[in-house]
Amino acid sequence: MAIESAMVPLPSELILPYAGFLVSDPTQTERLTAAPWNFWVVVVAATVGNTVGSLIGYAIGAWGGRPFLERYGRYLLIRPHELELAEHFFERYGSATAFFSRLLPIVRTFISFPAGVARMPLPRFIAYSTAGAFFWSAALVYAGVLLGARWQDIRHALQPFDLLVAIGVIAAIGLFVWWRLGTPGRRRPAD
């Protein structure tokens, strides 16, 4: 969660429902304490990770500003359009953006940076961002718990498609990276 909130596209939509699945299965134990996974511990851990990552994005925005991201954003697979989208949300909705953006795909990942650029008061940023991250994390973990109870049924129904899904995932990742980095020899338009 910290990685995603630090402006690196890593989908919490996949990680947290899986954690919810682990919560739903009492035979699954987490490695640190060897205790069964606990819903509230997972939600709090995800929220803390999200907040820590958000602070990284905020700090980059506050110290490096937009020039930093324009120069190095491509290495984080961040396009200027995505930054503009986050800035637009922040300008339109103000401080509440730090809360509501945690509930929106794509914007959630990048909103900390414009909050830092705008020098949103840090305590307010932490409060809004943490609250939004808490609700987002709880919802995704709970979805995983609900699906986890039916995991064997879902697994049995989808088993014939395992190879197709694996090929699709690998192809999607490859296309995503190709699309974000551009093809060799193709000139990128100036940002």
N, C-alpha and C. Protein backbone atom coordinates (compact mmCIF):
# COMPACT_ATOMS: atom_id res chain seq x y z
N MET A 1 0.82 -1.18 0.00
CA MET A 1 0.00 0.00 0.00
C MET A 1 0.87 1.25 0.00
N ALA A 2 1.98 1.17 0.71
CA ALA A 2 2.89 2.31 0.73
C ALA A 2 3.45 2.55 -0.66
N ILE A 3 3.76 1.49 -1.38
CA ILE A 3 4.31 1.62 -2.73
C ILE A 3 3.30 2.29 -3.65
N GLU A 4 2.04 1.85 -3.61
CA GLU A 4 1.01 2.44 -4.46
C GLU A 4 0.84 3.92 -4.14
N SER A 5 0.78 4.26 -2.86
CA SER A 5 0.56 5.65 -2.47
C SER A 5 1.76 6.54 -2.68
N ALA A 6 2.92 5.94 -2.91
CA ALA A 6 4.13 6.71 -3.21
C ALA A 6 4.26 6.94 -4.71
N MET A 7 3.16 6.87 -5.42
CA MET A 7 3.06 7.17 -6.84
C MET A 7 3.65 6.09 -7.74
N VAL A 8 3.66 4.86 -7.28
CA VAL A 8 4.05 3.73 -8.11
C VAL A 8 2.79 2.90 -8.34
N PRO A 9 2.37 2.74 -9.59
CA PRO A 9 1.11 2.04 -9.85
C PRO A 9 1.18 0.56 -9.45
N LEU A 10 0.68 0.25 -8.29
CA LEU A 10 0.59 -1.11 -7.78
C LEU A 10 -0.84 -1.26 -7.25
N PRO A 11 -1.66 -2.06 -7.90
CA PRO A 11 -3.09 -2.03 -7.61
C PRO A 11 -3.52 -2.65 -6.28
N SER A 12 -4.00 -1.80 -5.40
CA SER A 12 -4.56 -2.28 -4.14
C SER A 12 -5.82 -3.10 -4.38
N GLU A 13 -6.42 -2.93 -5.55
CA GLU A 13 -7.62 -3.67 -5.90
C GLU A 13 -7.34 -5.17 -6.00
N LEU A 14 -6.10 -5.55 -6.14
CA LEU A 14 -5.73 -6.97 -6.17
C LEU A 14 -5.18 -7.43 -4.82
N ILE A 15 -4.41 -6.59 -4.18
CA ILE A 15 -3.71 -6.98 -2.95
C ILE A 15 -4.68 -7.11 -1.78
N LEU A 16 -5.53 -6.12 -1.58
CA LEU A 16 -6.40 -6.13 -0.40
C LEU A 16 -7.50 -7.19 -0.44
N PRO A 17 -8.14 -7.43 -1.58
CA PRO A 17 -9.09 -8.55 -1.57
C PRO A 17 -8.42 -9.90 -1.29
N TYR A 18 -7.19 -10.06 -1.76
CA TYR A 18 -6.47 -11.29 -1.45
C TYR A 18 -6.22 -11.39 0.06
N ALA A 19 -5.86 -10.26 0.67
CA ALA A 19 -5.69 -10.26 2.13
C ALA A 19 -7.01 -10.61 2.80
N GLY A 20 -8.12 -10.13 2.24
CA GLY A 20 -9.44 -10.48 2.77
C GLY A 20 -9.71 -11.97 2.65
N PHE A 21 -9.28 -12.56 1.54
CA PHE A 21 -9.40 -14.01 1.38
C PHE A 21 -8.63 -14.72 2.49
N LEU A 22 -7.42 -14.25 2.78
CA LEU A 22 -6.62 -14.86 3.84
C LEU A 22 -7.32 -14.73 5.19
N VAL A 23 -7.98 -13.60 5.41
CA VAL A 23 -8.74 -13.40 6.65
C VAL A 23 -9.88 -14.41 6.74
N SER A 24 -10.51 -14.70 5.61
CA SER A 24 -11.67 -15.58 5.62
C SER A 24 -11.33 -17.05 5.87
N ASP A 25 -10.06 -17.40 5.70
CA ASP A 25 -9.64 -18.79 5.86
C ASP A 25 -8.87 -18.95 7.18
N PRO A 26 -9.50 -19.54 8.20
CA PRO A 26 -8.84 -19.64 9.50
C PRO A 26 -7.59 -20.51 9.50
N THR A 27 -7.37 -21.28 8.44
CA THR A 27 -6.15 -22.10 8.38
C THR A 27 -4.95 -21.29 7.91
N GLN A 28 -5.20 -20.11 7.36
CA GLN A 28 -4.10 -19.26 6.89
C GLN A 28 -3.56 -18.44 8.07
N THR A 29 -2.26 -18.42 8.22
CA THR A 29 -1.66 -17.65 9.30
C THR A 29 -0.65 -16.67 8.71
N GLU A 30 -0.54 -15.53 9.37
CA GLU A 30 0.46 -14.57 8.90
C GLU A 30 1.81 -14.96 9.50
N ARG A 31 2.87 -14.66 8.82
CA ARG A 31 4.19 -15.19 9.16
C ARG A 31 4.83 -14.56 10.39
N LEU A 32 4.49 -13.33 10.69
CA LEU A 32 5.15 -12.65 11.79
C LEU A 32 4.80 -13.25 13.14
N THR A 33 3.50 -13.51 13.37
CA THR A 33 3.08 -14.05 14.67
C THR A 33 2.55 -15.47 14.58
N ALA A 34 2.41 -16.00 13.38
CA ALA A 34 1.84 -17.32 13.14
C ALA A 34 0.39 -17.41 13.63
N ALA A 35 -0.26 -16.27 13.77
CA ALA A 35 -1.67 -16.22 14.17
C ALA A 35 -2.52 -16.11 12.91
N PRO A 36 -3.79 -16.50 13.00
CA PRO A 36 -4.67 -16.31 11.84
C PRO A 36 -4.78 -14.83 11.47
N TRP A 37 -5.01 -14.57 10.21
CA TRP A 37 -5.15 -13.20 9.73
C TRP A 37 -6.37 -12.56 10.39
N ASN A 38 -6.23 -11.31 10.77
CA ASN A 38 -7.30 -10.58 11.45
C ASN A 38 -7.74 -9.41 10.57
N PHE A 39 -9.04 -9.28 10.38
CA PHE A 39 -9.60 -8.25 9.52
C PHE A 39 -9.07 -6.86 9.90
N TRP A 40 -9.20 -6.50 11.18
CA TRP A 40 -8.84 -5.14 11.60
C TRP A 40 -7.34 -4.91 11.54
N VAL A 41 -6.55 -5.91 11.79
CA VAL A 41 -5.10 -5.75 11.68
C VAL A 41 -4.73 -5.49 10.22
N VAL A 42 -5.35 -6.21 9.29
CA VAL A 42 -5.08 -6.02 7.87
C VAL A 42 -5.50 -4.61 7.44
N VAL A 43 -6.68 -4.18 7.86
CA VAL A 43 -7.17 -2.85 7.49
C VAL A 43 -6.26 -1.76 8.05
N VAL A 44 -5.88 -1.88 9.30
CA VAL A 44 -5.00 -0.87 9.90
C VAL A 44 -3.63 -0.88 9.23
N ALA A 45 -3.08 -2.06 8.96
CA ALA A 45 -1.78 -2.14 8.29
C ALA A 45 -1.85 -1.50 6.91
N ALA A 46 -2.92 -1.78 6.17
CA ALA A 46 -3.08 -1.20 4.84
C ALA A 46 -3.22 0.32 4.94
N THR A 47 -3.97 0.79 5.92
CA THR A 47 -4.18 2.23 6.10
C THR A 47 -2.86 2.92 6.46
N VAL A 48 -2.09 2.32 7.36
CA VAL A 48 -0.80 2.90 7.74
C VAL A 48 0.14 2.91 6.53
N GLY A 49 0.20 1.81 5.80
CA GLY A 49 1.04 1.76 4.61
C GLY A 49 0.64 2.81 3.60
N ASN A 50 -0.66 2.95 3.39
CA ASN A 50 -1.16 3.95 2.46
C ASN A 50 -0.77 5.35 2.91
N THR A 51 -0.89 5.62 4.20
CA THR A 51 -0.55 6.95 4.72
C THR A 51 0.94 7.23 4.59
N VAL A 52 1.78 6.26 4.90
CA VAL A 52 3.23 6.43 4.77
C VAL A 52 3.59 6.71 3.31
N GLY A 53 3.03 5.94 2.39
CA GLY A 53 3.29 6.17 0.97
C GLY A 53 2.80 7.54 0.53
N SER A 54 1.66 7.96 1.06
CA SER A 54 1.12 9.28 0.73
C SER A 54 2.06 10.38 1.18
N LEU A 55 2.68 10.19 2.33
CA LEU A 55 3.63 11.19 2.83
C LEU A 55 4.86 11.30 1.93
N ILE A 56 5.25 10.18 1.33
CA ILE A 56 6.37 10.20 0.38
C ILE A 56 5.99 11.04 -0.83
N GLY A 57 4.80 10.78 -1.38
CA GLY A 57 4.33 11.57 -2.52
C GLY A 57 4.17 13.04 -2.17
N TYR A 58 3.66 13.32 -0.98
CA TYR A 58 3.49 14.69 -0.51
C TYR A 58 4.86 15.38 -0.42
N ALA A 59 5.84 14.69 0.15
CA ALA A 59 7.18 15.26 0.31
C ALA A 59 7.82 15.55 -1.05
N ILE A 60 7.65 14.64 -2.00
CA ILE A 60 8.20 14.87 -3.34
C ILE A 60 7.56 16.12 -3.94
N GLY A 61 6.24 16.25 -3.76
CA GLY A 61 5.56 17.44 -4.27
C GLY A 61 6.00 18.71 -3.57
N ALA A 62 6.16 18.65 -2.26
CA ALA A 62 6.53 19.84 -1.50
C ALA A 62 7.97 20.26 -1.77
N TRP A 63 8.87 19.30 -1.93
CA TRP A 63 10.29 19.63 -2.10
C TRP A 63 10.74 19.70 -3.55
N GLY A 64 10.22 18.80 -4.37
CA GLY A 64 10.67 18.77 -5.76
C GLY A 64 9.76 19.50 -6.72
N GLY A 65 8.50 19.59 -6.36
CA GLY A 65 7.56 20.28 -7.21
C GLY A 65 7.31 19.57 -8.53
N ARG A 66 6.55 20.22 -9.36
CA ARG A 66 6.20 19.67 -10.66
C ARG A 66 7.43 19.40 -11.53
N PRO A 67 8.48 20.25 -11.49
CA PRO A 67 9.66 19.95 -12.33
C PRO A 67 10.27 18.58 -12.04
N PHE A 68 10.24 18.17 -10.77
CA PHE A 68 10.79 16.85 -10.42
C PHE A 68 10.03 15.75 -11.15
N LEU A 69 8.69 15.82 -11.09
CA LEU A 69 7.90 14.77 -11.71
C LEU A 69 7.96 14.83 -13.22
N GLU A 70 8.06 16.03 -13.78
CA GLU A 70 8.20 16.13 -15.22
C GLU A 70 9.52 15.51 -15.69
N ARG A 71 10.53 15.62 -14.85
CA ARG A 71 11.84 15.07 -15.23
C ARG A 71 11.94 13.57 -14.97
N TYR A 72 11.43 13.10 -13.80
CA TYR A 72 11.63 11.72 -13.39
C TYR A 72 10.37 10.86 -13.39
N GLY A 73 9.22 11.44 -13.66
CA GLY A 73 7.96 10.71 -13.61
C GLY A 73 7.90 9.52 -14.55
N ARG A 74 8.56 9.63 -15.68
CA ARG A 74 8.51 8.51 -16.63
C ARG A 74 9.13 7.25 -16.06
N TYR A 75 10.08 7.40 -15.13
CA TYR A 75 10.69 6.23 -14.51
C TYR A 75 9.73 5.56 -13.52
N LEU A 76 8.74 6.31 -13.05
CA LEU A 76 7.71 5.76 -12.17
C LEU A 76 6.44 5.43 -12.96
N LEU A 77 6.54 5.52 -14.28
CA LEU A 77 5.42 5.27 -15.20
C LEU A 77 4.27 6.26 -14.94
N ILE A 78 4.60 7.49 -14.64
CA ILE A 78 3.62 8.54 -14.41
C ILE A 78 3.66 9.50 -15.59
N ARG A 79 2.50 9.69 -16.19
CA ARG A 79 2.41 10.59 -17.33
C ARG A 79 1.91 11.96 -16.89
N PRO A 80 2.29 12.98 -17.62
CA PRO A 80 1.84 14.34 -17.28
C PRO A 80 0.32 14.46 -17.20
N HIS A 81 -0.39 13.72 -18.05
CA HIS A 81 -1.85 13.77 -18.02
C HIS A 81 -2.40 13.30 -16.68
N GLU A 82 -1.80 12.28 -16.11
CA GLU A 82 -2.27 11.78 -14.82
C GLU A 82 -2.02 12.78 -13.70
N LEU A 83 -0.90 13.46 -13.77
CA LEU A 83 -0.62 14.51 -12.80
C LEU A 83 -1.62 15.66 -12.96
N GLU A 84 -1.92 16.02 -14.19
CA GLU A 84 -2.90 17.08 -14.43
C GLU A 84 -4.28 16.70 -13.90
N LEU A 85 -4.66 15.45 -14.06
CA LEU A 85 -5.93 14.99 -13.53
C LEU A 85 -5.98 15.13 -12.01
N ALA A 86 -4.91 14.73 -11.34
CA ALA A 86 -4.85 14.86 -9.89
C ALA A 86 -4.87 16.33 -9.47
N GLU A 87 -4.12 17.16 -10.19
CA GLU A 87 -4.11 18.60 -9.86
C GLU A 87 -5.48 19.22 -10.04
N HIS A 88 -6.19 18.81 -11.10
CA HIS A 88 -7.53 19.33 -11.35
C HIS A 88 -8.47 18.97 -10.20
N PHE A 89 -8.43 17.73 -9.73
CA PHE A 89 -9.25 17.33 -8.59
C PHE A 89 -8.93 18.18 -7.37
N PHE A 90 -7.63 18.38 -7.14
CA PHE A 90 -7.22 19.13 -5.95
C PHE A 90 -7.69 20.58 -6.04
N GLU A 91 -7.54 21.21 -7.21
CA GLU A 91 -7.98 22.59 -7.38
C GLU A 91 -9.50 22.72 -7.24
N ARG A 92 -10.21 21.75 -7.74
CA ARG A 92 -11.68 21.84 -7.73
C ARG A 92 -12.28 21.57 -6.36
N TYR A 93 -11.76 20.59 -5.64
CA TYR A 93 -12.38 20.16 -4.39
C TYR A 93 -11.59 20.50 -3.14
N GLY A 94 -10.40 21.06 -3.27
CA GLY A 94 -9.63 21.49 -2.11
C GLY A 94 -9.17 20.33 -1.24
N SER A 95 -9.12 20.59 0.07
CA SER A 95 -8.59 19.62 1.03
C SER A 95 -9.34 18.30 1.03
N ALA A 96 -10.65 18.34 0.78
CA ALA A 96 -11.45 17.11 0.77
C ALA A 96 -10.96 16.14 -0.30
N THR A 97 -10.23 16.66 -1.28
CA THR A 97 -9.69 15.79 -2.33
C THR A 97 -8.78 14.72 -1.73
N ALA A 98 -8.05 15.06 -0.69
CA ALA A 98 -7.16 14.09 -0.06
C ALA A 98 -7.95 12.92 0.50
N PHE A 99 -9.21 13.15 0.89
CA PHE A 99 -10.08 12.07 1.37
C PHE A 99 -10.70 11.32 0.19
N PHE A 100 -11.42 12.05 -0.66
CA PHE A 100 -12.19 11.39 -1.72
C PHE A 100 -11.32 10.73 -2.78
N SER A 101 -10.13 11.26 -3.00
CA SER A 101 -9.26 10.66 -4.01
C SER A 101 -8.80 9.27 -3.61
N ARG A 102 -8.78 8.97 -2.33
CA ARG A 102 -8.40 7.63 -1.87
C ARG A 102 -9.43 6.58 -2.29
N LEU A 103 -10.58 7.04 -2.74
CA LEU A 103 -11.64 6.12 -3.16
C LEU A 103 -11.73 5.99 -4.67
N LEU A 104 -10.84 6.66 -5.40
CA LEU A 104 -10.91 6.69 -6.87
C LEU A 104 -9.68 6.04 -7.49
N PRO A 105 -9.89 5.15 -8.45
CA PRO A 105 -8.74 4.56 -9.15
C PRO A 105 -7.92 5.64 -9.85
N ILE A 106 -6.67 5.40 -10.05
CA ILE A 106 -5.67 6.25 -10.70
C ILE A 106 -5.41 7.52 -9.89
N VAL A 107 -6.45 8.33 -9.65
CA VAL A 107 -6.26 9.58 -8.90
C VAL A 107 -5.67 9.29 -7.54
N ARG A 108 -6.12 8.20 -6.90
CA ARG A 108 -5.65 7.82 -5.56
C ARG A 108 -4.13 7.73 -5.51
N THR A 109 -3.54 7.22 -6.56
CA THR A 109 -2.10 7.00 -6.59
C THR A 109 -1.33 8.31 -6.65
N PHE A 110 -1.87 9.32 -7.31
CA PHE A 110 -1.10 10.52 -7.61
C PHE A 110 -1.49 11.77 -6.82
N ILE A 111 -2.55 11.74 -6.04
CA ILE A 111 -3.07 12.96 -5.42
C ILE A 111 -2.15 13.55 -4.36
N SER A 112 -1.30 12.76 -3.76
CA SER A 112 -0.41 13.28 -2.73
C SER A 112 0.56 14.31 -3.28
N PHE A 113 1.00 14.11 -4.50
CA PHE A 113 1.96 15.02 -5.11
C PHE A 113 1.40 16.44 -5.24
N PRO A 114 0.22 16.63 -5.87
CA PRO A 114 -0.30 18.01 -5.95
C PRO A 114 -0.64 18.59 -4.57
N ALA A 115 -0.98 17.74 -3.62
CA ALA A 115 -1.22 18.25 -2.26
C ALA A 115 0.08 18.83 -1.70
N GLY A 116 1.20 18.18 -1.97
CA GLY A 116 2.49 18.71 -1.54
C GLY A 116 2.87 19.97 -2.28
N VAL A 117 2.64 19.97 -3.60
CA VAL A 117 2.95 21.16 -4.40
C VAL A 117 2.14 22.36 -3.88
N ALA A 118 0.87 22.13 -3.54
CA ALA A 118 -0.01 23.19 -3.05
C ALA A 118 0.25 23.52 -1.59
N ARG A 119 1.15 22.76 -0.96
CA ARG A 119 1.48 22.96 0.46
C ARG A 119 0.23 22.89 1.35
N MET A 120 -0.60 21.88 1.06
CA MET A 120 -1.74 21.65 1.93
C MET A 120 -1.20 21.42 3.34
N PRO A 121 -1.82 22.00 4.37
CA PRO A 121 -1.30 21.80 5.74
C PRO A 121 -1.15 20.31 6.04
N LEU A 122 0.05 19.92 6.46
CA LEU A 122 0.38 18.50 6.64
C LEU A 122 -0.57 17.78 7.60
N PRO A 123 -0.92 18.33 8.76
CA PRO A 123 -1.84 17.60 9.64
C PRO A 123 -3.21 17.34 8.97
N ARG A 124 -3.70 18.31 8.22
CA ARG A 124 -4.97 18.13 7.52
C ARG A 124 -4.83 17.07 6.43
N PHE A 125 -3.70 17.11 5.70
CA PHE A 125 -3.46 16.11 4.66
C PHE A 125 -3.44 14.71 5.26
N ILE A 126 -2.73 14.55 6.36
CA ILE A 126 -2.64 13.24 7.01
C ILE A 126 -4.03 12.77 7.45
N ALA A 127 -4.79 13.66 8.06
CA ALA A 127 -6.12 13.28 8.56
C ALA A 127 -7.04 12.85 7.42
N TYR A 128 -7.14 13.67 6.37
CA TYR A 128 -8.03 13.34 5.25
C TYR A 128 -7.56 12.09 4.51
N SER A 129 -6.27 12.02 4.26
CA SER A 129 -5.72 10.90 3.50
C SER A 129 -5.88 9.59 4.27
N THR A 130 -5.61 9.62 5.57
CA THR A 130 -5.74 8.42 6.39
C THR A 130 -7.19 7.96 6.46
N ALA A 131 -8.11 8.89 6.62
CA ALA A 131 -9.53 8.52 6.69
C ALA A 131 -9.98 7.87 5.37
N GLY A 132 -9.59 8.46 4.25
CA GLY A 132 -9.96 7.88 2.95
C GLY A 132 -9.34 6.51 2.75
N ALA A 133 -8.08 6.38 3.13
CA ALA A 133 -7.39 5.09 3.00
C ALA A 133 -8.04 4.03 3.87
N PHE A 134 -8.50 4.42 5.04
CA PHE A 134 -9.15 3.47 5.95
C PHE A 134 -10.41 2.89 5.30
N PHE A 135 -11.27 3.75 4.77
CA PHE A 135 -12.51 3.27 4.17
C PHE A 135 -12.25 2.43 2.93
N TRP A 136 -11.30 2.86 2.10
CA TRP A 136 -10.94 2.10 0.90
C TRP A 136 -10.40 0.72 1.27
N SER A 137 -9.50 0.69 2.22
CA SER A 137 -8.89 -0.58 2.64
C SER A 137 -9.93 -1.51 3.25
N ALA A 138 -10.78 -0.98 4.12
CA ALA A 138 -11.81 -1.80 4.76
C ALA A 138 -12.75 -2.39 3.71
N ALA A 139 -13.14 -1.59 2.73
CA ALA A 139 -14.06 -2.07 1.69
C ALA A 139 -13.44 -3.20 0.87
N LEU A 140 -12.18 -3.03 0.48
CA LEU A 140 -11.54 -4.06 -0.34
C LEU A 140 -11.25 -5.33 0.45
N VAL A 141 -10.83 -5.18 1.69
CA VAL A 141 -10.58 -6.37 2.51
C VAL A 141 -11.90 -7.10 2.75
N TYR A 142 -12.96 -6.37 3.02
CA TYR A 142 -14.26 -6.99 3.25
C TYR A 142 -14.75 -7.72 1.99
N ALA A 143 -14.53 -7.12 0.83
CA ALA A 143 -14.90 -7.80 -0.43
C ALA A 143 -14.15 -9.13 -0.55
N GLY A 144 -12.89 -9.12 -0.17
CA GLY A 144 -12.10 -10.36 -0.19
C GLY A 144 -12.62 -11.39 0.79
N VAL A 145 -13.07 -10.93 1.96
CA VAL A 145 -13.65 -11.84 2.95
C VAL A 145 -14.92 -12.48 2.37
N LEU A 146 -15.77 -11.68 1.75
CA LEU A 146 -17.00 -12.20 1.17
C LEU A 146 -16.72 -13.20 0.05
N LEU A 147 -15.76 -12.88 -0.81
CA LEU A 147 -15.40 -13.80 -1.89
C LEU A 147 -14.65 -15.01 -1.35
N GLY A 148 -13.91 -14.81 -0.27
CA GLY A 148 -13.13 -15.91 0.29
C GLY A 148 -13.98 -17.06 0.78
N ALA A 149 -15.16 -16.75 1.29
CA ALA A 149 -16.06 -17.80 1.75
C ALA A 149 -16.51 -18.69 0.60
N ARG A 150 -16.47 -18.16 -0.61
CA ARG A 150 -16.88 -18.92 -1.80
C ARG A 150 -15.69 -19.26 -2.69
N TRP A 151 -14.49 -19.14 -2.15
CA TRP A 151 -13.29 -19.30 -2.94
C TRP A 151 -13.24 -20.65 -3.67
N GLN A 152 -13.55 -21.72 -3.00
CA GLN A 152 -13.47 -23.04 -3.64
C GLN A 152 -14.46 -23.14 -4.80
N ASP A 153 -15.65 -22.58 -4.64
CA ASP A 153 -16.63 -22.59 -5.73
C ASP A 153 -16.12 -21.78 -6.93
N ILE A 154 -15.58 -20.61 -6.62
CA ILE A 154 -15.06 -19.75 -7.68
C ILE A 154 -13.88 -20.42 -8.36
N ARG A 155 -12.99 -21.01 -7.56
CA ARG A 155 -11.81 -21.69 -8.10
C ARG A 155 -12.21 -22.84 -9.01
N HIS A 156 -13.18 -23.64 -8.58
CA HIS A 156 -13.64 -24.77 -9.38
C HIS A 156 -14.26 -24.30 -10.71
N ALA A 157 -15.04 -23.23 -10.66
CA ALA A 157 -15.69 -22.72 -11.86
C ALA A 157 -14.68 -22.13 -12.85
N LEU A 158 -13.61 -21.54 -12.35
CA LEU A 158 -12.64 -20.88 -13.21
C LEU A 158 -11.45 -21.76 -13.60
N GLN A 159 -11.33 -22.94 -13.02
CA GLN A 159 -10.17 -23.80 -13.28
C GLN A 159 -9.95 -24.09 -14.77
N PRO A 160 -10.98 -24.30 -15.57
CA PRO A 160 -10.71 -24.56 -16.99
C PRO A 160 -10.04 -23.40 -17.71
N PHE A 161 -10.08 -22.22 -17.12
CA PHE A 161 -9.54 -21.03 -17.77
C PHE A 161 -8.17 -20.61 -17.23
N ASP A 162 -7.55 -21.44 -16.40
CA ASP A 162 -6.27 -21.08 -15.76
C ASP A 162 -5.20 -20.65 -16.77
N LEU A 163 -4.96 -21.45 -17.79
CA LEU A 163 -3.92 -21.13 -18.75
C LEU A 163 -4.26 -19.84 -19.50
N LEU A 164 -5.49 -19.70 -19.91
CA LEU A 164 -5.92 -18.51 -20.62
C LEU A 164 -5.75 -17.25 -19.76
N VAL A 165 -6.10 -17.35 -18.49
CA VAL A 165 -5.94 -16.22 -17.57
C VAL A 165 -4.47 -15.89 -17.38
N ALA A 166 -3.63 -16.90 -17.21
CA ALA A 166 -2.19 -16.65 -17.04
C ALA A 166 -1.60 -15.96 -18.26
N ILE A 167 -1.95 -16.42 -19.45
CA ILE A 167 -1.47 -15.80 -20.68
C ILE A 167 -2.00 -14.36 -20.76
N GLY A 168 -3.26 -14.16 -20.41
CA GLY A 168 -3.86 -12.83 -20.44
C GLY A 168 -3.18 -11.87 -19.48
N VAL A 169 -2.86 -12.34 -18.29
CA VAL A 169 -2.20 -11.48 -17.30
C VAL A 169 -0.81 -11.10 -17.79
N ILE A 170 -0.06 -12.07 -18.28
CA ILE A 170 1.29 -11.79 -18.79
C ILE A 170 1.22 -10.82 -19.97
N ALA A 171 0.28 -11.04 -20.87
CA ALA A 171 0.12 -10.14 -22.01
C ALA A 171 -0.30 -8.74 -21.56
N ALA A 172 -1.19 -8.65 -20.60
CA ALA A 172 -1.64 -7.35 -20.11
C ALA A 172 -0.49 -6.58 -19.47
N ILE A 173 0.33 -7.26 -18.69
CA ILE A 173 1.48 -6.61 -18.07
C ILE A 173 2.45 -6.12 -19.15
N GLY A 174 2.71 -6.97 -20.11
CA GLY A 174 3.61 -6.59 -21.20
C GLY A 174 3.07 -5.41 -22.00
N LEU A 175 1.78 -5.42 -22.31
CA LEU A 175 1.18 -4.31 -23.03
C LEU A 175 1.19 -3.03 -22.21
N PHE A 176 0.93 -3.16 -20.93
CA PHE A 176 0.95 -1.99 -20.06
C PHE A 176 2.32 -1.34 -20.05
N VAL A 177 3.36 -2.14 -19.87
CA VAL A 177 4.72 -1.60 -19.84
C VAL A 177 5.08 -1.02 -21.21
N TRP A 178 4.74 -1.70 -22.28
CA TRP A 178 5.00 -1.21 -23.63
C TRP A 178 4.29 0.11 -23.86
N TRP A 179 3.03 0.19 -23.45
CA TRP A 179 2.23 1.40 -23.64
C TRP A 179 2.79 2.55 -22.83
N ARG A 180 3.22 2.29 -21.59
CA ARG A 180 3.73 3.35 -20.73
C ARG A 180 5.12 3.82 -21.14
N LEU A 181 5.96 2.92 -21.55
CA LEU A 181 7.32 3.30 -21.91
C LEU A 181 7.47 3.66 -23.37
N GLY A 182 6.52 3.23 -24.19
CA GLY A 182 6.61 3.49 -25.62
C GLY A 182 7.44 2.43 -26.31
N THR A 183 7.27 2.31 -27.57
CA THR A 183 8.02 1.32 -28.32
C THR A 183 9.38 1.87 -28.69
N PRO A 184 10.38 1.01 -28.79
CA PRO A 184 11.72 1.47 -29.20
C PRO A 184 11.65 2.11 -30.58
N GLY A 185 12.37 3.20 -30.73
CA GLY A 185 12.42 3.86 -32.02
C GLY A 185 11.28 4.85 -32.23
N ARG A 186 10.25 4.77 -31.45
CA ARG A 186 9.14 5.72 -31.58
C ARG A 186 9.47 6.93 -30.74
N ARG A 187 9.33 8.05 -31.33
CA ARG A 187 9.67 9.28 -30.61
C ARG A 187 8.51 9.70 -29.72
N ARG A 188 8.82 10.01 -28.47
CA ARG A 188 7.81 10.47 -27.52
C ARG A 188 7.55 11.95 -27.77
N PRO A 189 6.28 12.35 -27.74
CA PRO A 189 6.01 13.77 -27.88
C PRO A 189 6.52 14.53 -26.66
N ALA A 190 6.92 15.77 -26.88
CA ALA A 190 7.41 16.59 -25.76
C ALA A 190 6.28 16.85 -24.78
N ASP A 191 6.57 16.74 -23.48
CA ASP A 191 5.56 16.96 -22.44
C ASP A 191 5.48 18.43 -22.08
